C-alpha cells in the first residue's frame, strides 16, 4: 500500500507537474515574455516562488520514500541551484528515475519505521504517520501551489492537467 501511495502516486504527480511546467513555457513563448517571470512568481509575498515549489515537491518525493524505507543516504542530492525550466525538468526526471528504483518489497517495514528529521529535534513519527500526515499532504501542497502560481499568471491549466491520466476501466 505504501508503495502505491508514495512511489506510484509521487511519480505521477511529478510527471503532471512537469507537463504543467511545459504549458507554462508554451504560454510564456506565446505571450512573448521570459519563462523566468513564471519561475520567479509566487502567490503571496511570504510564499516560495515556483522554482522553490518544484524543488520542495521533488525533495518531498525522494526523501519521503527514502525515509519510509530507511535509505535516506541513497536519495539523490540536489543543491537547490536550479534557475531555469530545463534545470527543474532535469531534477524532476532524476527524482522520477530514483523513485522507479524501488519495489513494493522495499516497503515491508515502512509502517513501523521511525522517521525523523533534524528540525524535529529528536522527535519522530512512525512510517504510517509520516506518510499519511506529512509526506503525502506535503507533496500535494507544493504541486498544487505550483499549479496555482501558473494558473494565477494566466497559464491555461485545469483539473485534468493536475490529476493527469486516469486508469479508467471499461
C-alpha atoms as a PDB file:
ATOM      1  CA  UNK A   1       0.000   0.000   0.000  1.00  0.00           C
ATOM      2  CA  UNK A   2       2.788   2.472   0.871  1.00  0.00           C
ATOM      3  CA  UNK A   3       4.453   1.758  -2.466  1.00  0.00           C
ATOM      4  CA  UNK A   4       1.318   2.795  -4.373  1.00  0.00           C
ATOM      5  CA  UNK A   5       0.692   5.823  -2.163  1.00  0.00           C
ATOM      6  CA  UNK A   6       4.235   7.102  -2.492  1.00  0.00           C
ATOM      7  CA  UNK A   7       6.301   5.770  -5.385  1.00  0.00           C
ATOM      8  CA  UNK A   8       3.440   5.379  -7.836  1.00  0.00           C
ATOM      9  CA  UNK A   9       1.490   8.482  -6.881  1.00  0.00           C
ATOM     10  CA  UNK A  10       4.511  10.747  -6.308  1.00  0.00           C
ATOM     11  CA  UNK A  11       5.860   9.763  -9.743  1.00  0.00           C
ATOM     12  CA  UNK A  12       2.513  10.547 -11.317  1.00  0.00           C
ATOM     13  CA  UNK A  13       2.275  13.945  -9.614  1.00  0.00           C
ATOM     14  CA  UNK A  14       5.821  14.869 -10.628  1.00  0.00           C
ATOM     15  CA  UNK A  15       5.020  13.833 -14.200  1.00  0.00           C
ATOM     16  CA  UNK A  16       1.917  16.037 -14.093  1.00  0.00           C
ATOM     17  CA  UNK A  17       3.995  18.875 -12.641  1.00  0.00           C
ATOM     18  CA  UNK A  18       6.465  18.523 -15.497  1.00  0.00           C
ATOM     19  CA  UNK A  19       3.609  18.742 -18.003  1.00  0.00           C
ATOM     20  CA  UNK A  20       2.102  21.879 -16.465  1.00  0.00           C
ATOM     21  CA  UNK A  21       5.550  23.490 -16.410  1.00  0.00           C
ATOM     22  CA  UNK A  22       5.769  22.779 -20.148  1.00  0.00           C
ATOM     23  CA  UNK A  23       2.418  24.515 -20.587  1.00  0.00           C
ATOM     24  CA  UNK A  24       3.847  27.454 -18.656  1.00  0.00           C
ATOM     25  CA  UNK A  25       6.776  27.627 -21.047  1.00  0.00           C
ATOM     26  CA  UNK A  26       4.468  27.484 -24.072  1.00  0.00           C
ATOM     27  CA  UNK A  27       2.319  30.232 -22.562  1.00  0.00           C
ATOM     28  CA  UNK A  28       5.329  32.477 -21.959  1.00  0.00           C
ATOM     29  CA  UNK A  29       6.536  31.869 -25.528  1.00  0.00           C
ATOM     30  CA  UNK A  30       3.118  32.664 -26.993  1.00  0.00           C
ATOM     31  CA  UNK A  31       2.834  35.879 -24.967  1.00  0.00           C
ATOM     32  CA  UNK A  32       6.439  36.858 -25.761  1.00  0.00           C
ATOM     33  CA  UNK A  33       7.818  37.053 -22.233  1.00  0.00           C
ATOM     34  CA  UNK A  34      10.557  35.144 -20.483  1.00  0.00           C
ATOM     35  CA  UNK A  35       9.511  31.983 -18.672  1.00  0.00           C
ATOM     36  CA  UNK A  36      11.698  33.329 -15.840  1.00  0.00           C
ATOM     37  CA  UNK A  37       8.777  35.588 -14.933  1.00  0.00           C
ATOM     38  CA  UNK A  38       6.707  32.497 -14.134  1.00  0.00           C
ATOM     39  CA  UNK A  39       9.564  30.673 -12.427  1.00  0.00           C
ATOM     40  CA  UNK A  40      10.055  33.579 -10.036  1.00  0.00           C
ATOM     41  CA  UNK A  41       6.349  34.186  -9.412  1.00  0.00           C
ATOM     42  CA  UNK A  42       4.665  33.474  -6.109  1.00  0.00           C
ATOM     43  CA  UNK A  43       1.092  33.711  -4.825  1.00  0.00           C
ATOM     44  CA  UNK A  44       1.911  35.872  -1.804  1.00  0.00           C
ATOM     45  CA  UNK A  45       4.950  37.874  -0.704  1.00  0.00           C
ATOM     46  CA  UNK A  46       5.750  35.420   2.090  1.00  0.00           C
ATOM     47  CA  UNK A  47       5.342  32.310  -0.061  1.00  0.00           C
ATOM     48  CA  UNK A  48       8.009  30.477  -2.063  1.00  0.00           C
ATOM     49  CA  UNK A  49       8.462  31.034  -5.795  1.00  0.00           C
ATOM     50  CA  UNK A  50       7.502  28.496  -8.434  1.00  0.00           C
ATOM     51  CA  UNK A  51      11.130  27.332  -8.579  1.00  0.00           C
ATOM     52  CA  UNK A  52      11.136  26.561  -4.865  1.00  0.00           C
ATOM     53  CA  UNK A  53       7.734  24.834  -5.036  1.00  0.00           C
ATOM     54  CA  UNK A  54       9.135  22.438  -7.646  1.00  0.00           C
ATOM     55  CA  UNK A  55      12.301  21.838  -5.629  1.00  0.00           C
ATOM     56  CA  UNK A  56      10.322  21.026  -2.481  1.00  0.00           C
ATOM     57  CA  UNK A  57       7.891  18.756  -4.346  1.00  0.00           C
ATOM     58  CA  UNK A  58      10.892  16.815  -5.651  1.00  0.00           C
ATOM     59  CA  UNK A  59      12.525  16.698  -2.206  1.00  0.00           C
ATOM     60  CA  UNK A  60       9.298  15.523  -0.609  1.00  0.00           C
ATOM     61  CA  UNK A  61       9.004  12.691  -3.118  1.00  0.00           C
ATOM     62  CA  UNK A  62      12.574  11.424  -2.968  1.00  0.00           C
ATOM     63  CA  UNK A  63      13.167  11.931   0.753  1.00  0.00           C
ATOM     64  CA  UNK A  64       9.682  10.776   1.722  1.00  0.00           C
ATOM     65  CA  UNK A  65      10.230   7.434   0.031  1.00  0.00           C
ATOM     66  CA  UNK A  66      13.837   7.187   1.223  1.00  0.00           C
ATOM     67  CA  UNK A  67      12.789   7.785   4.830  1.00  0.00           C
ATOM     68  CA  UNK A  68       9.970   5.244   4.638  1.00  0.00           C
ATOM     69  CA  UNK A  69      12.346   2.515   3.518  1.00  0.00           C
ATOM     70  CA  UNK A  70      15.258   3.577   5.720  1.00  0.00           C
ATOM     71  CA  UNK A  71      17.537   4.587   2.839  1.00  0.00           C
ATOM     72  CA  UNK A  72      17.917   8.354   3.221  1.00  0.00           C
ATOM     73  CA  UNK A  73      21.561   8.249   2.129  1.00  0.00           C
ATOM     74  CA  UNK A  74      20.550   6.747  -1.230  1.00  0.00           C
ATOM     75  CA  UNK A  75      18.446   9.763  -2.250  1.00  0.00           C
ATOM     76  CA  UNK A  76      19.895  11.967  -4.983  1.00  0.00           C
ATOM     77  CA  UNK A  77      21.426  15.187  -3.709  1.00  0.00           C
ATOM     78  CA  UNK A  78      20.224  18.474  -5.152  1.00  0.00           C
ATOM     79  CA  UNK A  79      21.777  21.791  -4.171  1.00  0.00           C
ATOM     80  CA  UNK A  80      18.646  23.860  -4.945  1.00  0.00           C
ATOM     81  CA  UNK A  81      20.546  25.919  -7.504  1.00  0.00           C
ATOM     82  CA  UNK A  82      18.082  25.496 -10.368  1.00  0.00           C
ATOM     83  CA  UNK A  83      17.235  28.773 -12.093  1.00  0.00           C
ATOM     84  CA  UNK A  84      15.896  27.579 -15.434  1.00  0.00           C
ATOM     85  CA  UNK A  85      12.971  25.470 -16.530  1.00  0.00           C
ATOM     86  CA  UNK A  86      15.356  22.983 -18.147  1.00  0.00           C
ATOM     87  CA  UNK A  87      17.163  22.522 -14.824  1.00  0.00           C
ATOM     88  CA  UNK A  88      13.868  21.984 -12.990  1.00  0.00           C
ATOM     89  CA  UNK A  89      12.766  19.445 -15.593  1.00  0.00           C
ATOM     90  CA  UNK A  90      16.071  17.601 -15.149  1.00  0.00           C
ATOM     91  CA  UNK A  91      15.534  17.499 -11.395  1.00  0.00           C
ATOM     92  CA  UNK A  92      12.018  16.135 -11.820  1.00  0.00           C
ATOM     93  CA  UNK A  93      13.280  13.429 -14.204  1.00  0.00           C
ATOM     94  CA  UNK A  94      16.087  12.449 -11.801  1.00  0.00           C
ATOM     95  CA  UNK A  95      13.647  12.088  -8.924  1.00  0.00           C
ATOM     96  CA  UNK A  96      11.197  10.039 -11.004  1.00  0.00           C
ATOM     97  CA  UNK A  97      14.085   7.756 -12.056  1.00  0.00           C
ATOM     98  CA  UNK A  98      15.129   7.392  -8.410  1.00  0.00           C
ATOM     99  CA  UNK A  99      11.575   6.502  -7.380  1.00  0.00           C
ATOM    100  CA  UNK A 100      11.482   3.872 -10.140  1.00  0.00           C
ATOM    101  CA  UNK A 101      14.352   2.058  -8.409  1.00  0.00           C
ATOM    102  CA  UNK A 102      12.033   0.964  -5.561  1.00  0.00           C
ATOM    103  CA  UNK A 103       9.772  -2.074  -5.411  1.00  0.00           C
ATOM    104  CA  UNK A 104       6.844  -2.989  -3.207  1.00  0.00           C
ATOM    105  CA  UNK A 105       9.140  -5.283  -1.258  1.00  0.00           C
ATOM    106  CA  UNK A 106      11.196  -2.278  -0.130  1.00  0.00           C
ATOM    107  CA  UNK A 107       8.201  -1.095   1.919  1.00  0.00           C
ATOM    108  CA  UNK A 108       7.785  -4.200   4.077  1.00  0.00           C
ATOM    109  CA  UNK A 109       8.641  -2.323   7.293  1.00  0.00           C
ATOM    110  CA  UNK A 110       7.537   1.151   6.169  1.00  0.00           C
ATOM    111  CA  UNK A 111       4.571   1.456   8.540  1.00  0.00           C
ATOM    112  CA  UNK A 112       6.682   0.925  11.649  1.00  0.00           C
ATOM    113  CA  UNK A 113       9.830   2.728  10.502  1.00  0.00           C
ATOM    114  CA  UNK A 114      10.861   5.545  12.856  1.00  0.00           C
ATOM    115  CA  UNK A 115      11.077   8.666  10.710  1.00  0.00           C
ATOM    116  CA  UNK A 116      12.743  11.843  11.901  1.00  0.00           C
ATOM    117  CA  UNK A 117      14.318  14.995  10.519  1.00  0.00           C
ATOM    118  CA  UNK A 118      16.841  17.364  12.082  1.00  0.00           C
ATOM    119  CA  UNK A 119      14.269  20.105  12.519  1.00  0.00           C
ATOM    120  CA  UNK A 120      12.057  17.766  14.582  1.00  0.00           C
ATOM    121  CA  UNK A 121      14.575  17.992  17.419  1.00  0.00           C
ATOM    122  CA  UNK A 122      14.819  14.298  18.209  1.00  0.00           C
ATOM    123  CA  UNK A 123      11.128  13.545  17.797  1.00  0.00           C
ATOM    124  CA  UNK A 124       9.885  11.034  15.261  1.00  0.00           C
ATOM    125  CA  UNK A 125       6.789   9.742  13.509  1.00  0.00           C
ATOM    126  CA  UNK A 126       6.048   6.162  12.584  1.00  0.00           C
ATOM    127  CA  UNK A 127       6.272   5.496   8.873  1.00  0.00           C
ATOM    128  CA  UNK A 128       2.499   5.323   8.668  1.00  0.00           C
ATOM    129  CA  UNK A 129       2.110   8.679  10.438  1.00  0.00           C
ATOM    130  CA  UNK A 130       4.878  10.202   8.340  1.00  0.00           C
ATOM    131  CA  UNK A 131       3.372   9.050   5.043  1.00  0.00           C
ATOM    132  CA  UNK A 132      -0.219   9.993   5.852  1.00  0.00           C
ATOM    133  CA  UNK A 133       0.295  13.169   7.854  1.00  0.00           C
ATOM    134  CA  UNK A 134       3.457  14.627   6.329  1.00  0.00           C
ATOM    135  CA  UNK A 135       4.820  13.302   3.030  1.00  0.00           C
ATOM    136  CA  UNK A 136       1.580  12.839   1.101  1.00  0.00           C
ATOM    137  CA  UNK A 137      -0.025  16.157   2.118  1.00  0.00           C
ATOM    138  CA  UNK A 138       3.284  17.972   1.603  1.00  0.00           C
ATOM    139  CA  UNK A 139       3.810  16.874  -1.990  1.00  0.00           C
ATOM    140  CA  UNK A 140       0.212  17.723  -2.864  1.00  0.00           C
ATOM    141  CA  UNK A 141       0.583  21.136  -1.218  1.00  0.00           C
ATOM    142  CA  UNK A 142       3.649  22.050  -3.281  1.00  0.00           C
ATOM    143  CA  UNK A 143       2.376  20.631  -6.577  1.00  0.00           C
ATOM    144  CA  UNK A 144      -0.946  22.415  -6.009  1.00  0.00           C
ATOM    145  CA  UNK A 145       0.827  25.667  -5.210  1.00  0.00           C
ATOM    146  CA  UNK A 146       2.963  25.356  -8.358  1.00  0.00           C
ATOM    147  CA  UNK A 147      -0.227  24.741 -10.343  1.00  0.00           C
ATOM    148  CA  UNK A 148      -1.891  27.754  -8.692  1.00  0.00           C
ATOM    149  CA  UNK A 149       1.054  30.038  -9.465  1.00  0.00           C
ATOM    150  CA  UNK A 150       0.851  29.109 -13.136  1.00  0.00           C
ATOM    151  CA  UNK A 151      -2.940  29.387 -13.225  1.00  0.00           C
ATOM    152  CA  UNK A 152      -2.848  32.750 -11.438  1.00  0.00           C
ATOM    153  CA  UNK A 153      -0.468  34.019 -14.117  1.00  0.00           C
ATOM    154  CA  UNK A 154      -2.822  33.030 -16.927  1.00  0.00           C
ATOM    155  CA  UNK A 155      -1.456  29.650 -17.954  1.00  0.00           C
ATOM    156  CA  UNK A 156      -4.350  27.572 -19.231  1.00  0.00           C
ATOM    157  CA  UNK A 157      -4.140  24.563 -16.973  1.00  0.00           C
ATOM    158  CA  UNK A 158      -7.091  22.812 -15.436  1.00  0.00           C
ATOM    159  CA  UNK A 159      -8.011  19.986 -13.126  1.00  0.00           C
ATOM    160  CA  UNK A 160      -7.242  17.353 -15.777  1.00  0.00           C
ATOM    161  CA  UNK A 161      -3.703  18.718 -16.077  1.00  0.00           C
ATOM    162  CA  UNK A 162      -3.292  18.497 -12.316  1.00  0.00           C
ATOM    163  CA  UNK A 163      -4.779  14.998 -11.986  1.00  0.00           C
ATOM    164  CA  UNK A 164      -3.168  13.614 -15.140  1.00  0.00           C
ATOM    165  CA  UNK A 165      -4.321  10.488 -16.942  1.00  0.00           C
ATOM    166  CA  UNK A 166      -6.762   8.301 -15.049  1.00  0.00           C
ATOM    167  CA  UNK A 167      -6.760   4.488 -15.190  1.00  0.00           C
ATOM    168  CA  UNK A 168     -10.382   4.254 -16.314  1.00  0.00           C
ATOM    169  CA  UNK A 169     -11.830   0.776 -16.882  1.00  0.00           C
ATOM    170  CA  UNK A 170     -14.454  -0.292 -19.399  1.00  0.00           C
END
